[in-house]
Amino acid sequence: MASIYRDVFVSLSLRFIVVAYSVYHDASYDVPYTDVDMYVYLDAASRVDAADAIATMHRAFDAPTYRYTPLLALTLSTLGAHVVTSKVIFCIADVLVGVLIHAVAREITTPANAVKCATLWLYNPL
């Protein structure tokens, strides 16, 4: 039976290794590893009060360069608006998309092909 558990674990582990390297790289080199968009997300998240999300979610758009969903700013503010925490959240979300791809592909194709579809996503950014 085809399973993606190993691939999910390996791809998530590799992403965490890349996050750890990005922390080292950002601290050690002049050219940062972390993209400027991460700081745009964090700036918007710092403007949203997670305790009063409905009333403050629009504040994300007070950041001059923020053009993303206010739910992203709310999620990051709720879970901790920090560069590493945010990267981990994005890594987990990316791997969950791979799991969803596997679930959908399993409904329309063979289990082996579903695993192939999911692994294309899981290992693509690496």
Foldseek 3Di string as FASTA:
>chain_A
DDDCPVLLVVLLVVLLVVLVVQVVQCVPDPDHPDDVVLVLLLVLLVQADLVPRVVRLVSSPVRPPDDDDSVSSNVCNVQDSDSSSSSNVVSVVQSVVLVVQLVVVVVPDPNVVSSVRSSCSSPVVD
